[in-house]
Amino acid sequence: MQHEETMSRLYLQETRSTTKKYLKLIKQNNMKKIFLSLATVIMMGVSAFATGNEGTVSQEARNSFKRDFSTATNVSWEQKNDYTRATFSLNGQVLFAYYSNTGDLKAVVRNIVSDQLPISLVTDLRKDYTGYWITELFEISSDNQTTYYVTLENSDKKIVLKSEGTEYWGVYSKEKKESAE
C-alpha cells in the first residue's frame, strides 16, 4: 500500500504543473472539449519524453516491458533514481508503466474520463461535489488492485480524492486556493 502511495505522489507531482497550465482553458470549455484537450496534453507529454535519457534505462526494465506490453507503440523512457517510467500507446490509449530498477513492474497508470469510473464512484462525485469541476482523473493498477484519483476544483478549493475500493471516495488532500487579488 505504501508503494501505491509513493507512485501516486510521484504521478501527482509530475502532472500538477501541466494541469495548472491548462486550468484556465479547462474552465472555459465544455466537458467534451476538456477531454480532447487532455488527450492533446498527454500526447504533447509523450513527445516531450521521446527525447529523454533512454540510454540509462536498465536492460531488466526494458526486457520486462517487452514481455508485459509486447504490442505497445510510441515507447519512451525516463529514468529516475528509484524507478523507470515507460510512456507508451496501447490500444489507442497513452499509458505509463513504472518499473523498479531491477525490472519489476510496480504500477500502470492511465488518465481516464469520468464515464470510465465505477458507477458508485461517479454517483458519489455528482452527489457530494456539485460545484466542482474535474481537473485530473487517473487510475493506478498495482498489486492486482485498481485505485482511482480525482482532482476537483472550484474557485476556492482544490481537493484530491482517492477511491476506497470501488464503493466510495476518501479525501487524499485538500488545499485552499490563494486569492487572485
Protein backbone atom coordinates (compact mmCIF):
# COMPACT_ATOMS: atom_id res chain seq x y z
CA MET A 1 0.00 0.00 0.00
CA GLN A 2 2.91 2.35 0.75
CA HIS A 3 4.29 1.74 -2.73
CA GLU A 4 0.95 2.79 -4.24
CA GLU A 5 1.05 6.00 -2.16
CA THR A 6 4.57 6.75 -3.40
CA MET A 7 3.61 6.13 -7.02
CA SER A 8 0.51 8.31 -6.73
CA ARG A 9 2.52 11.15 -5.15
CA LEU A 10 5.11 10.92 -7.93
CA TYR A 11 2.43 10.95 -10.59
CA LEU A 12 0.60 13.87 -8.95
CA GLN A 13 3.83 15.89 -8.78
CA GLU A 14 4.66 15.16 -12.41
CA THR A 15 1.25 16.15 -13.69
CA ARG A 16 0.45 19.07 -11.38
CA SER A 17 2.39 21.67 -13.40
CA THR A 18 0.76 20.57 -16.66
CA THR A 19 -2.66 20.71 -15.04
CA LYS A 20 -2.13 24.27 -13.81
CA LYS A 21 -1.17 25.48 -17.29
CA TYR A 22 -4.37 24.17 -18.79
CA LEU A 23 -6.70 25.01 -15.89
CA LYS A 24 -7.82 28.28 -17.45
CA LEU A 25 -8.59 26.52 -20.74
CA ILE A 26 -10.47 23.78 -18.94
CA LYS A 27 -12.70 26.28 -17.13
CA GLN A 28 -13.80 27.84 -20.42
CA ASN A 29 -14.63 24.71 -22.39
CA ASN A 30 -17.44 22.22 -22.07
CA MET A 31 -16.73 18.65 -20.94
CA LYS A 32 -16.29 17.26 -24.44
CA LYS A 33 -13.60 19.84 -25.22
CA ILE A 34 -11.95 19.15 -21.87
CA PHE A 35 -11.38 15.52 -22.76
CA LEU A 36 -10.00 16.45 -26.18
CA SER A 37 -7.64 18.96 -24.55
CA LEU A 38 -6.41 16.41 -22.03
CA ALA A 39 -5.68 13.97 -24.84
CA THR A 40 -3.67 16.69 -26.57
CA VAL A 41 -1.73 17.44 -23.38
CA ILE A 42 -0.93 13.75 -22.92
CA MET A 43 0.34 13.44 -26.48
CA MET A 44 2.49 16.57 -26.03
CA GLY A 45 3.91 14.99 -22.89
CA VAL A 46 4.66 11.79 -24.77
CA SER A 47 6.59 13.66 -27.44
CA ALA A 48 8.47 15.65 -24.78
CA PHE A 49 9.66 12.40 -23.18
CA ALA A 50 10.60 10.91 -26.52
CA THR A 51 13.92 12.76 -26.38
CA GLY A 52 14.57 11.52 -22.82
CA ASN A 53 17.56 9.67 -21.45
CA GLU A 54 16.83 6.27 -22.94
CA GLY A 55 20.47 5.19 -22.72
CA THR A 56 20.38 4.94 -18.91
CA VAL A 57 17.35 2.65 -18.64
CA SER A 58 18.21 -0.78 -17.28
CA GLN A 59 18.05 -3.75 -19.59
CA GLU A 60 15.94 -5.54 -16.96
CA ALA A 61 13.25 -2.85 -17.17
CA ARG A 62 13.31 -2.94 -20.97
CA ASN A 63 13.01 -6.74 -21.07
CA SER A 64 10.16 -6.74 -18.56
CA PHE A 65 8.36 -4.06 -20.53
CA LYS A 66 8.69 -6.02 -23.78
CA ARG A 67 7.26 -9.08 -22.03
CA ASP A 68 4.41 -7.14 -20.32
CA PHE A 69 3.40 -4.90 -23.24
CA SER A 70 4.56 -6.65 -26.40
CA THR A 71 2.17 -4.72 -28.69
CA ALA A 72 2.95 -1.26 -27.28
CA THR A 73 3.94 1.53 -29.65
CA ASN A 74 5.50 5.00 -29.29
CA VAL A 75 7.53 3.92 -26.27
CA SER A 76 9.68 6.48 -24.47
CA TRP A 77 11.65 6.08 -21.28
CA GLU A 78 12.52 8.20 -18.30
CA GLN A 79 14.96 7.06 -15.64
CA LYS A 80 14.68 8.42 -12.08
CA ASN A 81 16.75 7.43 -9.05
CA ASP A 82 14.30 4.85 -7.70
CA TYR A 83 12.26 3.88 -10.73
CA THR A 84 11.98 3.80 -14.51
CA ARG A 85 8.90 5.12 -16.31
CA ALA A 86 7.85 3.92 -19.74
CA THR A 87 5.29 6.08 -21.55
CA PHE A 88 3.60 4.29 -24.42
CA SER A 89 0.49 3.75 -26.51
CA LEU A 90 -1.56 0.59 -26.30
CA ASN A 91 -4.94 0.06 -27.95
CA GLY A 92 -5.29 3.78 -28.65
CA GLN A 93 -4.51 4.87 -25.08
CA VAL A 94 -1.47 6.50 -23.54
CA LEU A 95 -0.24 4.56 -20.52
CA PHE A 96 2.59 4.94 -18.01
CA ALA A 97 4.32 1.84 -16.62
CA TYR A 98 6.56 2.20 -13.57
CA TYR A 99 9.34 -0.34 -13.06
CA SER A 100 11.86 -0.84 -10.29
CA ASN A 101 15.44 -0.59 -11.44
CA THR A 102 15.57 -4.40 -11.29
CA GLY A 103 12.74 -4.69 -13.82
CA ASP A 104 9.76 -5.42 -11.53
CA LEU A 105 6.51 -3.82 -12.73
CA LYS A 106 5.25 -1.68 -9.85
CA ALA A 107 2.24 0.13 -11.34
CA VAL A 108 0.44 1.05 -14.54
CA VAL A 109 -1.21 4.46 -14.70
CA ARG A 110 -3.63 5.88 -17.21
CA ASN A 111 -5.65 9.04 -17.44
CA ILE A 112 -9.35 8.35 -17.76
CA VAL A 113 -12.64 10.19 -18.22
CA SER A 114 -15.39 10.11 -15.62
CA ASP A 115 -17.55 7.60 -17.53
CA GLN A 116 -14.75 5.06 -17.09
CA LEU A 117 -15.18 5.14 -13.31
CA PRO A 118 -17.28 2.54 -11.48
CA ILE A 119 -20.87 3.81 -11.27
CA SER A 120 -20.81 4.14 -7.47
CA LEU A 121 -17.81 6.48 -7.66
CA VAL A 122 -19.41 8.62 -10.37
CA THR A 123 -22.62 8.82 -8.32
CA ASP A 124 -20.70 9.96 -5.22
CA LEU A 125 -18.90 12.66 -7.20
CA ARG A 126 -22.15 14.01 -8.65
CA LYS A 127 -23.91 13.89 -5.29
CA ASP A 128 -21.20 15.18 -2.95
CA TYR A 129 -19.17 17.53 -5.15
CA THR A 130 -21.59 19.64 -7.16
CA GLY A 131 -19.99 22.98 -7.92
CA TYR A 132 -16.58 21.39 -8.52
CA TRP A 133 -15.01 20.50 -11.84
CA ILE A 134 -12.63 17.65 -12.56
CA THR A 135 -9.13 18.81 -13.48
CA GLU A 136 -7.40 15.45 -13.27
CA LEU A 137 -8.57 11.85 -13.16
CA PHE A 138 -6.38 8.78 -13.33
CA GLU A 139 -6.33 5.10 -12.50
CA ILE A 140 -3.44 3.21 -10.90
CA SER A 141 -3.22 -0.56 -11.21
CA SER A 142 -0.76 -2.06 -8.77
CA ASP A 143 -0.55 -5.35 -6.89
CA ASN A 144 -3.76 -6.62 -8.55
CA GLN A 145 -5.70 -3.62 -7.20
CA THR A 146 -7.10 -0.60 -9.01
CA THR A 147 -7.25 2.78 -7.32
CA TYR A 148 -8.66 5.99 -8.74
CA TYR A 149 -7.55 9.55 -8.00
CA VAL A 150 -9.56 12.62 -8.96
CA THR A 151 -8.62 16.27 -8.53
CA LEU A 152 -11.63 18.52 -8.07
CA GLU A 153 -11.57 22.30 -8.01
CA ASN A 154 -13.85 25.23 -7.53
CA SER A 155 -12.97 28.88 -7.17
CA ASP A 156 -11.85 28.45 -3.53
CA LYS A 157 -10.61 24.88 -3.05
CA LYS A 158 -8.67 22.08 -4.62
CA ILE A 159 -9.46 18.58 -3.37
CA VAL A 160 -7.79 15.31 -4.33
CA LEU A 161 -9.86 12.21 -3.67
CA LYS A 162 -8.64 8.61 -3.63
CA SER A 163 -11.04 5.73 -4.16
CA GLU A 164 -11.54 3.32 -1.29
CA GLY A 165 -12.25 0.20 -3.30
CA THR A 166 -14.88 0.90 -5.91
CA GLU A 167 -17.55 1.97 -3.45
CA TYR A 168 -16.62 5.42 -2.15
CA TRP A 169 -14.03 8.22 -2.08
CA GLY A 170 -11.69 9.28 0.71
CA VAL A 171 -10.04 12.69 0.89
CA TYR A 172 -6.38 12.35 -0.11
CA SER A 173 -5.54 16.06 0.19
CA LYS A 174 -7.20 19.47 0.40
CA GLU A 175 -5.89 22.92 -0.17
CA LYS A 176 -7.35 26.37 -0.18
CA LYS A 177 -6.60 28.41 -3.28
CA GLU A 178 -4.83 31.72 -2.95
CA SER A 179 -6.86 34.79 -3.67
CA ALA A 180 -6.15 36.29 -7.12
CA GLU A 181 -6.25 39.86 -5.80
